[in-house]
C-alpha atoms as a PDB file:
ATOM      1  CA  MET A   1      -0.009   0.028  -0.011  1.00  0.00           C
ATOM      2  CA  SER A   2       1.375   3.450  -0.910  1.00  0.00           C
ATOM      3  CA  SER A   3       2.015   5.931   1.802  1.00  0.00           C
ATOM      4  CA  ASP A   4      -0.626   8.185   0.276  1.00  0.00           C
ATOM      5  CA  LEU A   5      -3.282   5.481   0.605  1.00  0.00           C
ATOM      6  CA  LEU A   6      -2.173   4.598   4.160  1.00  0.00           C
ATOM      7  CA  SER A   7      -2.335   8.337   5.046  1.00  0.00           C
ATOM      8  CA  ARG A   8      -5.839   8.549   3.566  1.00  0.00           C
ATOM      9  CA  LEU A   9      -6.870   5.485   5.513  1.00  0.00           C
ATOM     10  CA  LEU A  10      -5.664   6.932   8.751  1.00  0.00           C
ATOM     11  CA  ILE A  11      -7.268  10.289   8.005  1.00  0.00           C
ATOM     12  CA  ALA A  12     -10.586   8.611   7.077  1.00  0.00           C
ATOM     13  CA  SER A  13     -10.490   6.612  10.269  1.00  0.00           C
ATOM     14  CA  LEU A  14      -9.694   9.549  12.547  1.00  0.00           C
ATOM     15  CA  VAL A  15     -12.176  11.975  10.889  1.00  0.00           C
ATOM     16  CA  THR A  16     -14.928   9.309  10.895  1.00  0.00           C
ATOM     17  CA  GLY A  17     -14.260   8.357  14.475  1.00  0.00           C
ATOM     18  CA  VAL A  18     -14.390  11.975  15.552  1.00  0.00           C
ATOM     19  CA  THR A  19     -17.479  13.011  13.552  1.00  0.00           C
ATOM     20  CA  ASP A  20     -19.460   9.925  14.430  1.00  0.00           C
ATOM     21  CA  GLY A  21     -18.283  10.098  18.031  1.00  0.00           C
ATOM     22  CA  LEU A  22     -19.415  13.758  18.381  1.00  0.00           C
ATOM     23  CA  PHE A  23     -22.734  12.890  16.726  1.00  0.00           C
ATOM     24  CA  SER A  24     -23.353   9.909  19.057  1.00  0.00           C
ATOM     25  CA  SER A  25     -22.110  11.800  22.133  1.00  0.00           C
ATOM     26  CA  GLY A  26     -24.340  14.793  21.350  1.00  0.00           C
ATOM     27  CA  LEU A  27     -27.351  12.478  20.910  1.00  0.00           C
ATOM     28  CA  ALA A  28     -26.602  10.703  24.225  1.00  0.00           C
ATOM     29  CA  ALA A  29     -26.069  13.860  26.268  1.00  0.00           C
ATOM     30  CA  PHE A  30     -28.575  16.306  24.751  1.00  0.00           C
ATOM     31  CA  VAL A  31     -31.342  14.203  23.184  1.00  0.00           C
ATOM     32  CA  TYR A  32     -31.469  10.879  25.069  1.00  0.00           C
ATOM     33  CA  GLY A  33     -30.693  12.270  28.601  1.00  0.00           C
ATOM     34  CA  SER A  34     -27.753   9.942  29.125  1.00  0.00           C
ATOM     35  CA  THR A  35     -24.076  10.666  29.501  1.00  0.00           C
ATOM     36  CA  VAL A  36     -21.133  10.374  27.162  1.00  0.00           C
ATOM     37  CA  THR A  37     -19.413   8.027  29.604  1.00  0.00           C
ATOM     38  CA  ARG A  38     -22.472   5.693  29.487  1.00  0.00           C
ATOM     39  CA  LEU A  39     -22.433   5.749  25.693  1.00  0.00           C
ATOM     40  CA  TRP A  40     -18.850   4.585  25.469  1.00  0.00           C
ATOM     41  CA  GLN A  41     -19.369   2.094  28.283  1.00  0.00           C
ATOM     42  CA  GLY A  42     -22.269   0.730  26.218  1.00  0.00           C
ATOM     43  CA  VAL A  43     -19.949   0.288  23.251  1.00  0.00           C
ATOM     44  CA  ALA A  44     -17.456  -1.522  25.525  1.00  0.00           C
ATOM     45  CA  SER A  45     -20.250  -3.724  26.826  1.00  0.00           C
ATOM     46  CA  THR A  46     -20.457  -5.487  23.467  1.00  0.00           C
ATOM     47  CA  LEU A  47     -17.192  -7.174  24.313  1.00  0.00           C
ATOM     48  CA  LEU A  48     -17.040  -6.864  28.088  1.00  0.00           C
ATOM     49  CA  GLY A  49     -20.693  -7.461  28.958  1.00  0.00           C
ATOM     50  CA  ALA A  50     -22.813  -5.610  31.430  1.00  0.00           C
ATOM     51  CA  ALA A  51     -19.806  -5.188  33.785  1.00  0.00           C
ATOM     52  CA  ALA A  52     -18.616  -2.408  31.446  1.00  0.00           C
ATOM     53  CA  PHE A  53     -21.249  -0.104  32.901  1.00  0.00           C
ATOM     54  CA  GLU A  54     -19.531  -0.471  36.328  1.00  0.00           C
ATOM     55  CA  GLY A  55     -16.055   0.194  34.979  1.00  0.00           C
ATOM     56  CA  GLY A  56     -16.048   3.998  35.061  1.00  0.00           C
ATOM     57  CA  THR A  57     -13.806   5.947  32.686  1.00  0.00           C
ATOM     58  CA  ARG A  58     -11.659   2.862  32.077  1.00  0.00           C
ATOM     59  CA  THR A  59     -14.411   1.001  30.245  1.00  0.00           C
ATOM     60  CA  ALA A  60     -15.568   4.201  28.640  1.00  0.00           C
ATOM     61  CA  ALA A  61     -12.024   4.574  27.221  1.00  0.00           C
ATOM     62  CA  ILE A  62     -12.102   0.970  26.007  1.00  0.00           C
ATOM     63  CA  GLY A  63     -15.440   1.704  24.237  1.00  0.00           C
ATOM     64  CA  LEU A  64     -13.940   4.812  22.628  1.00  0.00           C
ATOM     65  CA  LEU A  65     -10.915   2.840  21.393  1.00  0.00           C
ATOM     66  CA  MET A  66     -13.232   0.162  20.084  1.00  0.00           C
ATOM     67  CA  HIS A  67     -15.191   2.917  18.264  1.00  0.00           C
ATOM     68  CA  PHE A  68     -12.072   4.125  16.481  1.00  0.00           C
ATOM     69  CA  GLY A  69     -11.095   0.540  15.654  1.00  0.00           C
ATOM     70  CA  VAL A  70     -14.534   0.149  14.004  1.00  0.00           C
ATOM     71  CA  ALA A  71     -14.029   3.473  12.118  1.00  0.00           C
ATOM     72  CA  PHE A  72     -10.655   2.112  10.913  1.00  0.00           C
ATOM     73  CA  THR A  73     -12.200  -1.175   9.776  1.00  0.00           C
ATOM     74  CA  TRP A  74     -15.032   0.416   7.821  1.00  0.00           C
ATOM     75  CA  SER A  75     -12.603   2.878   6.245  1.00  0.00           C
ATOM     76  CA  ALA A  76     -10.356  -0.040   5.184  1.00  0.00           C
ATOM     77  CA  VAL A  77     -13.345  -1.883   3.755  1.00  0.00           C
ATOM     78  CA  PHE A  78     -14.238   1.171   1.735  1.00  0.00           C
ATOM     79  CA  LEU A  79     -10.663   1.583   0.521  1.00  0.00           C
ATOM     80  CA  ALA A  80     -10.764  -2.053  -0.694  1.00  0.00           C
ATOM     81  CA  LEU A  81     -14.063  -1.283  -2.460  1.00  0.00           C
ATOM     82  CA  VAL A  82     -12.643   1.853  -4.103  1.00  0.00           C
ATOM     83  CA  LEU A  83      -9.567   0.071  -5.318  1.00  0.00           C
ATOM     84  CA  SER A  84     -11.573  -2.808  -6.764  1.00  0.00           C
ATOM     85  CA  SER A  85     -14.537  -0.961  -8.229  1.00  0.00           C
ATOM     86  CA  SER A  86     -14.310   1.399 -11.193  1.00  0.00           C
ATOM     87  CA  TRP A  87     -18.049   2.166 -10.653  1.00  0.00           C
ATOM     88  CA  ILE A  88     -17.352   3.582  -7.207  1.00  0.00           C
ATOM     89  CA  ARG A  89     -14.294   5.486  -8.480  1.00  0.00           C
ATOM     90  CA  SER A  90     -16.378   6.862 -11.339  1.00  0.00           C
ATOM     91  CA  ALA A  91     -19.371   7.735  -9.153  1.00  0.00           C
ATOM     92  CA  GLU A  92     -17.383   9.626  -6.562  1.00  0.00           C
ATOM     93  CA  THR A  93     -15.639  11.997  -8.988  1.00  0.00           C
ATOM     94  CA  SER A  94     -18.366  14.569  -8.374  1.00  0.00           C
ATOM     95  CA  LEU A  95     -19.775  15.728  -5.065  1.00  0.00           C
ATOM     96  CA  ALA A  96     -23.215  14.411  -6.062  1.00  0.00           C
ATOM     97  CA  GLY A  97     -21.710  11.058  -6.815  1.00  0.00           C
ATOM     98  CA  ALA A  98     -19.859  11.027  -3.509  1.00  0.00           C
ATOM     99  CA  LEU A  99     -23.053  11.821  -1.697  1.00  0.00           C
ATOM    100  CA  MET A 100     -24.775   9.012  -3.552  1.00  0.00           C
ATOM    101  CA  VAL A 101     -22.081   6.566  -2.553  1.00  0.00           C
ATOM    102  CA  ALA A 102     -22.266   7.728   1.079  1.00  0.00           C
ATOM    103  CA  ALA A 103     -26.095   7.412   0.987  1.00  0.00           C
ATOM    104  CA  VAL A 104     -25.639   3.683   0.216  1.00  0.00           C
ATOM    105  CA  TYR A 105     -22.518   2.961   2.286  1.00  0.00           C
ATOM    106  CA  GLY A 106     -23.656   4.663   5.541  1.00  0.00           C
ATOM    107  CA  PRO A 107     -26.903   2.732   5.987  1.00  0.00           C
ATOM    108  CA  LEU A 108     -25.088  -0.450   4.829  1.00  0.00           C
ATOM    109  CA  ILE A 109     -22.588  -0.022   7.689  1.00  0.00           C
ATOM    110  CA  TRP A 110     -25.405   0.552  10.198  1.00  0.00           C
ATOM    111  CA  VAL A 111     -27.413  -2.467   9.018  1.00  0.00           C
ATOM    112  CA  VAL A 112     -24.360  -4.786   9.170  1.00  0.00           C
ATOM    113  CA  MET A 113     -23.430  -3.522  12.571  1.00  0.00           C
ATOM    114  CA  SER A 114     -26.908  -3.602  14.086  1.00  0.00           C
ATOM    115  CA  PHE A 115     -28.112  -6.851  12.468  1.00  0.00           C
ATOM    116  CA  GLY A 116     -24.816  -8.746  12.334  1.00  0.00           C
ATOM    117  CA  ILE A 117     -21.855  -7.637  14.363  1.00  0.00           C
ATOM    118  CA  VAL A 118     -23.561  -6.366  17.577  1.00  0.00           C
ATOM    119  CA  PRO A 119     -26.076  -9.286  17.846  1.00  0.00           C
ATOM    120  CA  LEU A 120     -23.186 -11.723  17.242  1.00  0.00           C
ATOM    121  CA  LEU A 121     -21.273 -10.242  20.161  1.00  0.00           C
ATOM    122  CA  THR A 122     -24.223  -9.533  22.506  1.00  0.00           C
ATOM    123  CA  HIS A 123     -26.561 -12.417  21.620  1.00  0.00           C
ATOM    124  CA  ARG A 124     -29.380  -9.926  21.470  1.00  0.00           C
ATOM    125  CA  PRO A 125     -31.456  -8.935  18.444  1.00  0.00           C
ATOM    126  CA  PRO A 126     -31.535  -5.250  17.452  1.00  0.00           C
ATOM    127  CA  THR A 127     -34.316  -3.014  18.616  1.00  0.00           C
ATOM    128  CA  ILE A 128     -35.828  -1.091  15.688  1.00  0.00           C
ATOM    129  CA  ASN A 129     -37.090   2.189  17.092  1.00  0.00           C
ATOM    130  CA  ILE A 130     -36.579   5.892  16.516  1.00  0.00           C
ATOM    131  CA  ARG A 131     -33.029   5.700  17.788  1.00  0.00           C
ATOM    132  CA  TRP A 132     -32.264   2.940  15.241  1.00  0.00           C
ATOM    133  CA  TRP A 133     -33.588   5.105  12.413  1.00  0.00           C
ATOM    134  CA  ILE A 134     -31.674   8.148  13.625  1.00  0.00           C
ATOM    135  CA  GLN A 135     -28.459   6.104  13.418  1.00  0.00           C
ATOM    136  CA  PHE A 136     -29.476   4.655  10.079  1.00  0.00           C
ATOM    137  CA  VAL A 137     -29.785   8.163   8.563  1.00  0.00           C
ATOM    138  CA  GLY A 138     -26.953   9.664  10.662  1.00  0.00           C
ATOM    139  CA  HIS A 139     -24.508   7.130   9.281  1.00  0.00           C
ATOM    140  CA  ILE A 140     -24.704   8.887   5.934  1.00  0.00           C
ATOM    141  CA  PRO A 141     -23.176  12.336   6.891  1.00  0.00           C
ATOM    142  CA  PHE A 142     -21.310  11.343  10.065  1.00  0.00           C
ATOM    143  CA  VAL A 143     -19.776   7.971   9.045  1.00  0.00           C
ATOM    144  CA  ALA A 144     -19.882   7.275   5.324  1.00  0.00           C
ATOM    145  CA  LEU A 145     -19.380  10.825   3.965  1.00  0.00           C
ATOM    146  CA  PRO A 146     -16.071  11.389   5.759  1.00  0.00           C
ATOM    147  CA  ILE A 147     -14.876   7.962   4.523  1.00  0.00           C
ATOM    148  CA  VAL A 148     -16.013   8.554   0.969  1.00  0.00           C
ATOM    149  CA  LEU A 149     -14.524  12.046   0.752  1.00  0.00           C
ATOM    150  CA  SER A 150     -11.236  10.760   2.159  1.00  0.00           C
ATOM    151  CA  PHE A 151     -10.902   8.419  -0.820  1.00  0.00           C
ATOM    152  CA  LYS A 152     -12.456  10.558  -3.474  1.00  0.00           C
ATOM    153  CA  SER A 153     -11.199   9.242  -6.830  1.00  0.00           C
ATOM    154  CA  SER A 154      -9.802  12.558  -8.052  1.00  0.00           C
ATOM    155  CA  PHE A 155      -7.310  12.308  -5.205  1.00  0.00           C
ATOM    156  CA  LEU A 156      -6.466   8.706  -5.834  1.00  0.00           C
ATOM    157  CA  THR A 157      -5.752   8.937  -9.560  1.00  0.00           C
ATOM    158  CA  SER A 158      -2.198   9.867  -8.818  1.00  0.00           C
ATOM    159  CA  THR A 159      -1.586   6.479  -7.212  1.00  0.00           C
ATOM    160  CA  SER A 160      -0.458   3.518  -9.215  1.00  0.00           C
ATOM    161  CA  ASN A 161      -2.437   0.958  -7.229  1.00  0.00           C
ATOM    162  CA  PHE A 162      -5.297   0.641  -9.723  1.00  0.00           C
END
């Protein structure tokens, strides 16, 4: 992998982790009446179980690290898709195309996470409610769009990895 692609992967991961983290933290603190600490403990609980809610800032930090690991993983998946799909590279040459790609990729991420990964780890099915739908839509601007824009084809054409 070229250093440019690696840099873009790290930037996509960081920007996505921050934007989605701020979005989720804002929802937790200002809309859902919870706390940011409890949000990240909830993320940690997917691996650590209910004890994560008793772990204070340590388990909240574990949840936050997990969150950035997930942002890195979805960024890497998208990079692989960009490198293997001329359709995606073509579509994202314009801002409208990038928005279209993000409008598909964001909800796809949320569906895979909420119907696949999280139930696999927690052994609980997803709850489809207003919060689920907020995340479904929110994954477009706060998760997928930073990823897609980080790998916009016009920036990648200088690489020789195609």
